[in-house]
């Protein structure tokens, strides 16, 4: 089970965790997320260098296209 800031963002509980909105510029969110992404990409690609490249591309694209969260209802 995923815990911490990553789980909070994925489940939408970031505000309830006491930290408010979590963004890709927040190191407390980004560091564990990047670690999990590299681990997953390495398992899928079976090449650590390709995994690192894929994660960098994904995070760069996410940061470039990041938008503020919309209010729900």
PDB file of N, CA and C in Angstrom:
ATOM      1  N   UNK A   1       0.841  -1.185   0.000  1.00  0.00           N
ATOM      2  CA  UNK A   1       0.000   0.000   0.000  1.00  0.00           C
ATOM      3  C   UNK A   1       0.880   1.240   0.000  1.00  0.00           C
ATOM      4  N   UNK A   2       0.529   2.209  -0.820  1.00  0.00           N
ATOM      5  CA  UNK A   2       1.279   3.457  -0.896  1.00  0.00           C
ATOM      6  C   UNK A   2       0.851   4.370   0.235  1.00  0.00           C
ATOM      7  N   UNK A   3       1.834   4.985   0.896  1.00  0.00           N
ATOM      8  CA  UNK A   3       1.534   5.909   1.976  1.00  0.00           C
ATOM      9  C   UNK A   3       2.269   7.209   1.748  1.00  0.00           C
ATOM     10  N   UNK A   4       1.970   8.199   2.566  1.00  0.00           N
ATOM     11  CA  UNK A   4       2.675   9.478   2.487  1.00  0.00           C
ATOM     12  C   UNK A   4       2.068  10.410   1.463  1.00  0.00           C
ATOM     13  N   UNK A   5       2.835  11.418   1.034  1.00  0.00           N
ATOM     14  CA  UNK A   5       2.316  12.437   0.131  1.00  0.00           C
ATOM     15  C   UNK A   5       1.853  11.871  -1.202  1.00  0.00           C
ATOM     16  N   UNK A   6       2.528  10.825  -1.699  1.00  0.00           N
ATOM     17  CA  UNK A   6       2.126  10.249  -2.976  1.00  0.00           C
ATOM     18  C   UNK A   6       0.738   9.654  -2.860  1.00  0.00           C
ATOM     19  N   UNK A   7       0.489   8.883  -1.819  1.00  0.00           N
ATOM     20  CA  UNK A   7      -0.828   8.288  -1.623  1.00  0.00           C
ATOM     21  C   UNK A   7      -1.878   9.368  -1.444  1.00  0.00           C
ATOM     22  N   UNK A   8      -1.549  10.416  -0.711  1.00  0.00           N
ATOM     23  CA  UNK A   8      -2.504  11.495  -0.497  1.00  0.00           C
ATOM     24  C   UNK A   8      -2.903  12.131  -1.820  1.00  0.00           C
ATOM     25  N   UNK A   9      -1.945  12.380  -2.693  1.00  0.00           N
ATOM     26  CA  UNK A   9      -2.249  12.986  -3.983  1.00  0.00           C
ATOM     27  C   UNK A   9      -3.065  12.028  -4.841  1.00  0.00           C
ATOM     28  N   UNK A  10      -2.694  10.758  -4.840  1.00  0.00           N
ATOM     29  CA  UNK A  10      -3.385   9.794  -5.677  1.00  0.00           C
ATOM     30  C   UNK A  10      -4.811   9.562  -5.217  1.00  0.00           C
ATOM     31  N   UNK A  11      -5.072   9.684  -3.923  1.00  0.00           N
ATOM     32  CA  UNK A  11      -6.416   9.438  -3.415  1.00  0.00           C
ATOM     33  C   UNK A  11      -7.214  10.718  -3.210  1.00  0.00           C
ATOM     34  N   UNK A  12      -6.575  11.862  -3.434  1.00  0.00           N
ATOM     35  CA  UNK A  12      -7.274  13.121  -3.262  1.00  0.00           C
ATOM     36  C   UNK A  12      -7.371  13.569  -1.828  1.00  0.00           C
ATOM     37  N   UNK A  13      -6.580  12.992  -0.931  1.00  0.00           N
ATOM     38  CA  UNK A  13      -6.648  13.315   0.481  1.00  0.00           C
ATOM     39  C   UNK A  13      -5.567  14.295   0.925  1.00  0.00           C
ATOM     40  N   UNK A  14      -4.944  14.996   0.005  1.00  0.00           N
ATOM     41  CA  UNK A  14      -3.822  15.882   0.345  1.00  0.00           C
ATOM     42  C   UNK A  14      -4.236  16.958   1.336  1.00  0.00           C
ATOM     43  N   UNK A  15      -5.392  17.548   1.133  1.00  0.00           N
ATOM     44  CA  UNK A  15      -5.831  18.613   2.035  1.00  0.00           C
ATOM     45  C   UNK A  15      -6.104  18.059   3.431  1.00  0.00           C
ATOM     46  N   UNK A  16      -6.656  16.850   3.497  1.00  0.00           N
ATOM     47  CA  UNK A  16      -6.947  16.237   4.785  1.00  0.00           C
ATOM     48  C   UNK A  16      -5.678  15.823   5.513  1.00  0.00           C
ATOM     49  N   UNK A  17      -4.585  15.638   4.788  1.00  0.00           N
ATOM     50  CA  UNK A  17      -3.323  15.229   5.407  1.00  0.00           C
ATOM     51  C   UNK A  17      -2.646  16.400   6.097  1.00  0.00           C
ATOM     52  N   UNK A  18      -3.218  17.585   5.990  1.00  0.00           N
ATOM     53  CA  UNK A  18      -2.677  18.749   6.672  1.00  0.00           C
ATOM     54  C   UNK A  18      -1.707  19.554   5.841  1.00  0.00           C
ATOM     55  N   UNK A  19      -1.429  19.119   4.624  1.00  0.00           N
ATOM     56  CA  UNK A  19      -0.438  19.804   3.819  1.00  0.00           C
ATOM     57  C   UNK A  19      -1.016  20.684   2.736  1.00  0.00           C
ATOM     58  N   UNK A  20      -2.312  20.681   2.547  1.00  0.00           N
ATOM     59  CA  UNK A  20      -2.884  21.460   1.464  1.00  0.00           C
ATOM     60  C   UNK A  20      -2.618  20.785   0.127  1.00  0.00           C
ATOM     61  N   UNK A  21      -2.677  21.560  -0.948  1.00  0.00           N
ATOM     62  CA  UNK A  21      -2.479  21.023  -2.291  1.00  0.00           C
ATOM     63  C   UNK A  21      -1.029  20.593  -2.487  1.00  0.00           C
ATOM     64  N   UNK A  22      -0.855  19.482  -3.164  1.00  0.00           N
ATOM     65  CA  UNK A  22       0.472  18.962  -3.461  1.00  0.00           C
ATOM     66  C   UNK A  22       0.740  19.180  -4.940  1.00  0.00           C
ATOM     67  N   UNK A  23       1.944  19.663  -5.267  1.00  0.00           N
ATOM     68  CA  UNK A  23       2.280  19.914  -6.661  1.00  0.00           C
ATOM     69  C   UNK A  23       3.593  19.247  -7.017  1.00  0.00           C
ATOM     70  N   UNK A  24       3.898  19.236  -8.299  1.00  0.00           N
ATOM     71  CA  UNK A  24       5.145  18.649  -8.770  1.00  0.00           C
ATOM     72  C   UNK A  24       6.361  19.481  -8.396  1.00  0.00           C
ATOM     73  N   UNK A  25       6.162  20.657  -7.845  1.00  0.00           N
ATOM     74  CA  UNK A  25       7.300  21.460  -7.388  1.00  0.00           C
ATOM     75  C   UNK A  25       7.583  21.235  -5.910  1.00  0.00           C
ATOM     76  N   UNK A  26       6.800  20.396  -5.265  1.00  0.00           N
ATOM     77  CA  UNK A  26       6.975  20.086  -3.847  1.00  0.00           C
ATOM     78  C   UNK A  26       7.897  18.875  -3.708  1.00  0.00           C
ATOM     79  N   UNK A  27       9.119  19.063  -3.184  1.00  0.00           N
ATOM     80  CA  UNK A  27      10.057  17.938  -3.073  1.00  0.00           C
ATOM     81  C   UNK A  27       9.529  16.779  -2.234  1.00  0.00           C
ATOM     82  N   UNK A  28       8.711  17.069  -1.225  1.00  0.00           N
ATOM     83  CA  UNK A  28       8.160  15.992  -0.395  1.00  0.00           C
ATOM     84  C   UNK A  28       7.229  15.093  -1.197  1.00  0.00           C
ATOM     85  N   UNK A  29       6.644  15.623  -2.246  1.00  0.00           N
ATOM     86  CA  UNK A  29       5.795  14.837  -3.134  1.00  0.00           C
ATOM     87  C   UNK A  29       6.611  14.232  -4.273  1.00  0.00           C
ATOM     88  N   UNK A  30       7.479  15.046  -4.859  1.00  0.00           N
ATOM     89  CA  UNK A  30       8.186  14.648  -6.070  1.00  0.00           C
ATOM     90  C   UNK A  30       9.219  13.548  -5.840  1.00  0.00           C
ATOM     91  N   UNK A  31       9.977  13.611  -4.763  1.00  0.00           N
ATOM     92  CA  UNK A  31      11.049  12.629  -4.537  1.00  0.00           C
ATOM     93  C   UNK A  31      10.499  11.203  -4.431  1.00  0.00           C
ATOM     94  N   UNK A  32       9.503  10.937  -3.574  1.00  0.00           N
ATOM     95  CA  UNK A  32       8.987   9.560  -3.521  1.00  0.00           C
ATOM     96  C   UNK A  32       8.260   9.151  -4.806  1.00  0.00           C
ATOM     97  N   UNK A  33       7.595  10.103  -5.452  1.00  0.00           N
ATOM     98  CA  UNK A  33       6.918   9.794  -6.710  1.00  0.00           C
ATOM     99  C   UNK A  33       7.933   9.366  -7.762  1.00  0.00           C
ATOM    100  N   UNK A  34       9.012  10.130  -7.894  1.00  0.00           N
ATOM    101  CA  UNK A  34      10.054   9.816  -8.873  1.00  0.00           C
ATOM    102  C   UNK A  34      10.665   8.444  -8.577  1.00  0.00           C
ATOM    103  N   UNK A  35      10.914   8.174  -7.313  1.00  0.00           N
ATOM    104  CA  UNK A  35      11.486   6.876  -6.932  1.00  0.00           C
ATOM    105  C   UNK A  35      10.558   5.729  -7.351  1.00  0.00           C
ATOM    106  N   UNK A  36       9.278   5.876  -7.082  1.00  0.00           N
ATOM    107  CA  UNK A  36       8.311   4.839  -7.454  1.00  0.00           C
ATOM    108  C   UNK A  36       8.217   4.690  -8.968  1.00  0.00           C
ATOM    109  N   UNK A  37       8.256   5.819  -9.675  1.00  0.00           N
ATOM    110  CA  UNK A  37       8.180   5.766 -11.136  1.00  0.00           C
ATOM    111  C   UNK A  37       9.400   5.065 -11.726  1.00  0.00           C
ATOM    112  N   UNK A  38      10.593   5.369 -11.201  1.00  0.00           N
ATOM    113  CA  UNK A  38      11.809   4.724 -11.703  1.00  0.00           C
ATOM    114  C   UNK A  38      11.767   3.224 -11.423  1.00  0.00           C
ATOM    115  N   UNK A  39      11.312   2.862 -10.242  1.00  0.00           N
ATOM    116  CA  UNK A  39      11.200   1.444  -9.885  1.00  0.00           C
ATOM    117  C   UNK A  39      10.260   0.723 -10.854  1.00  0.00           C
ATOM    118  N   UNK A  40       9.111   1.321 -11.111  1.00  0.00           N
ATOM    119  CA  UNK A  40       8.136   0.722 -12.024  1.00  0.00           C
ATOM    120  C   UNK A  40       8.686   0.653 -13.445  1.00  0.00           C
ATOM    121  N   UNK A  41       9.266   1.758 -13.920  1.00  0.00           N
ATOM    122  CA  UNK A  41       9.798   1.796 -15.282  1.00  0.00           C
ATOM    123  C   UNK A  41      10.934   0.789 -15.461  1.00  0.00           C
ATOM    124  N   UNK A  42      11.765   0.622 -14.447  1.00  0.00           N
ATOM    125  CA  UNK A  42      12.859  -0.348 -14.527  1.00  0.00           C
ATOM    126  C   UNK A  42      12.310  -1.772 -14.625  1.00  0.00           C
ATOM    127  N   UNK A  43      11.260  -2.059 -13.875  1.00  0.00           N
ATOM    128  CA  UNK A  43      10.638  -3.384 -13.964  1.00  0.00           C
ATOM    129  C   UNK A  43      10.059  -3.629 -15.353  1.00  0.00           C
ATOM    130  N   UNK A  44       9.473  -2.600 -15.942  1.00  0.00           N
ATOM    131  CA  UNK A  44       8.847  -2.753 -17.249  1.00  0.00           C
ATOM    132  C   UNK A  44       9.866  -2.788 -18.383  1.00  0.00           C
ATOM    133  N   UNK A  45      10.854  -1.898 -18.326  1.00  0.00           N
ATOM    134  CA  UNK A  45      11.804  -1.745 -19.428  1.00  0.00           C
ATOM    135  C   UNK A  45      13.049  -2.621 -19.280  1.00  0.00           C
ATOM    136  N   UNK A  46      13.328  -3.046 -18.069  1.00  0.00           N
ATOM    137  CA  UNK A  46      14.499  -3.877 -17.762  1.00  0.00           C
ATOM    138  C   UNK A  46      15.813  -3.226 -18.191  1.00  0.00           C
ATOM    139  N   UNK A  47      15.834  -1.907 -18.144  1.00  0.00           N
ATOM    140  CA  UNK A  47      17.050  -1.150 -18.456  1.00  0.00           C
ATOM    141  C   UNK A  47      17.010   0.127 -17.622  1.00  0.00           C
ATOM    142  N   UNK A  48      17.871   0.252 -16.618  1.00  0.00           N
ATOM    143  CA  UNK A  48      17.829   1.416 -15.728  1.00  0.00           C
ATOM    144  C   UNK A  48      18.008   2.755 -16.448  1.00  0.00           C
ATOM    145  N   UNK A  49      18.833   2.780 -17.494  1.00  0.00           N
ATOM    146  CA  UNK A  49      19.037   4.033 -18.232  1.00  0.00           C
ATOM    147  C   UNK A  49      17.779   4.447 -18.992  1.00  0.00           C
ATOM    148  N   UNK A  50      17.134   3.485 -19.646  1.00  0.00           N
ATOM    149  CA  UNK A  50      15.880   3.787 -20.343  1.00  0.00           C
ATOM    150  C   UNK A  50      14.789   4.181 -19.352  1.00  0.00           C
ATOM    151  N   UNK A  51      14.770   3.528 -18.207  1.00  0.00           N
ATOM    152  CA  UNK A  51      13.780   3.850 -17.178  1.00  0.00           C
ATOM    153  C   UNK A  51      13.958   5.283 -16.700  1.00  0.00           C
ATOM    154  N   UNK A  52      15.196   5.674 -16.434  1.00  0.00           N
ATOM    155  CA  UNK A  52      15.480   7.047 -15.998  1.00  0.00           C
ATOM    156  C   UNK A  52      15.036   8.050 -17.063  1.00  0.00           C
ATOM    157  N   UNK A  53      15.337   7.769 -18.322  1.00  0.00           N
ATOM    158  CA  UNK A  53      14.929   8.660 -19.414  1.00  0.00           C
ATOM    159  C   UNK A  53      13.410   8.772 -19.496  1.00  0.00           C
ATOM    160  N   UNK A  54      12.725   7.636 -19.381  1.00  0.00           N
ATOM    161  CA  UNK A  54      11.264   7.636 -19.470  1.00  0.00           C
ATOM    162  C   UNK A  54      10.643   8.448 -18.339  1.00  0.00           C
ATOM    163  N   UNK A  55      11.167   8.293 -17.136  1.00  0.00           N
ATOM    164  CA  UNK A  55      10.640   9.027 -15.987  1.00  0.00           C
ATOM    165  C   UNK A  55      10.920  10.518 -16.136  1.00  0.00           C
ATOM    166  N   UNK A  56      12.111  10.876 -16.584  1.00  0.00           N
ATOM    167  CA  UNK A  56      12.423  12.292 -16.795  1.00  0.00           C
ATOM    168  C   UNK A  56      11.480  12.913 -17.818  1.00  0.00           C
ATOM    169  N   UNK A  57      11.233  12.197 -18.911  1.00  0.00           N
ATOM    170  CA  UNK A  57      10.312  12.697 -19.942  1.00  0.00           C
ATOM    171  C   UNK A  57       8.902  12.862 -19.378  1.00  0.00           C
ATOM    172  N   UNK A  58       8.453  11.871 -18.619  1.00  0.00           N
ATOM    173  CA  UNK A  58       7.103  11.922 -18.056  1.00  0.00           C
ATOM    174  C   UNK A  58       6.953  13.071 -17.067  1.00  0.00           C
ATOM    175  N   UNK A  59       7.924  13.239 -16.177  1.00  0.00           N
ATOM    176  CA  UNK A  59       7.838  14.318 -15.190  1.00  0.00           C
ATOM    177  C   UNK A  59       7.981  15.688 -15.841  1.00  0.00           C
ATOM    178  N   UNK A  60       8.843  15.801 -16.841  1.00  0.00           N
ATOM    179  CA  UNK A  60       8.988  17.079 -17.553  1.00  0.00           C
ATOM    180  C   UNK A  60       7.680  17.444 -18.253  1.00  0.00           C
ATOM    181  N   UNK A  61       7.048  16.464 -18.881  1.00  0.00           N
ATOM    182  CA  UNK A  61       5.765  16.714 -19.536  1.00  0.00           C
ATOM    183  C   UNK A  61       4.673  17.075 -18.544  1.00  0.00           C
ATOM    184  N   UNK A  62       4.654  16.389 -17.410  1.00  0.00           N
ATOM    185  CA  UNK A  62       3.652  16.685 -16.380  1.00  0.00           C
ATOM    186  C   UNK A  62       3.855  18.083 -15.810  1.00  0.00           C
ATOM    187  N   UNK A  63       5.102  18.457 -15.569  1.00  0.00           N
ATOM    188  CA  UNK A  63       5.390  19.784 -15.030  1.00  0.00           C
ATOM    189  C   UNK A  63       5.028  20.872 -16.039  1.00  0.00           C
ATOM    190  N   UNK A  64       5.335  20.624 -17.304  1.00  0.00           N
ATOM    191  CA  UNK A  64       5.030  21.595 -18.360  1.00  0.00           C
ATOM    192  C   UNK A  64       3.520  21.811 -18.496  1.00  0.00           C
ATOM    193  N   UNK A  65       2.753  20.752 -18.334  1.00  0.00           N
ATOM    194  CA  UNK A  65       1.301  20.821 -18.545  1.00  0.00           C
ATOM    195  C   UNK A  65       0.505  20.885 -17.253  1.00  0.00           C
ATOM    196  N   UNK A  66       1.179  21.133 -16.138  1.00  0.00           N
ATOM    197  CA  UNK A  66       0.501  21.180 -14.842  1.00  0.00           C
ATOM    198  C   UNK A  66      -0.490  22.337 -14.798  1.00  0.00           C
ATOM    199  N   UNK A  67      -1.671  22.039 -14.291  1.00  0.00           N
ATOM    200  CA  UNK A  67      -2.717  23.058 -14.116  1.00  0.00           C
ATOM    201  C   UNK A  67      -3.200  23.002 -12.674  1.00  0.00           C
ATOM    202  N   UNK A  68      -3.722  24.104 -12.178  1.00  0.00           N
ATOM    203  CA  UNK A  68      -4.281  24.059 -10.816  1.00  0.00           C
ATOM    204  C   UNK A  68      -5.476  23.109 -10.768  1.00  0.00           C
ATOM    205  N   UNK A  69      -5.673  22.413  -9.653  1.00  0.00           N
ATOM    206  CA  UNK A  69      -6.811  21.495  -9.556  1.00  0.00           C
ATOM    207  C   UNK A  69      -8.133  22.254  -9.609  1.00  0.00           C
ATOM    208  N   UNK A  70      -9.121  21.636 -10.228  1.00  0.00           N
ATOM    209  CA  UNK A  70     -10.455  22.237 -10.312  1.00  0.00           C
ATOM    210  C   UNK A  70     -11.250  21.866  -9.075  1.00  0.00           C
ATOM    211  N   UNK A  71     -12.121  22.769  -8.686  1.00  0.00           N
ATOM    212  CA  UNK A  71     -13.023  22.484  -7.569  1.00  0.00           C
ATOM    213  C   UNK A  71     -13.983  21.379  -7.991  1.00  0.00           C
ATOM    214  N   UNK A  72     -14.260  20.493  -7.069  1.00  0.00           N
ATOM    215  CA  UNK A  72     -15.231  19.433  -7.351  1.00  0.00           C
ATOM    216  C   UNK A  72     -16.577  19.853  -6.799  1.00  0.00           C
ATOM    217  N   UNK A  73     -17.533  19.846  -7.634  1.00  0.00           N
ATOM    218  CA  UNK A  73     -18.917  20.165  -7.318  1.00  0.00           C
ATOM    219  C   UNK A  73     -18.986  21.462  -6.644  1.00  0.00           C
TER     220      UNK A  73
END
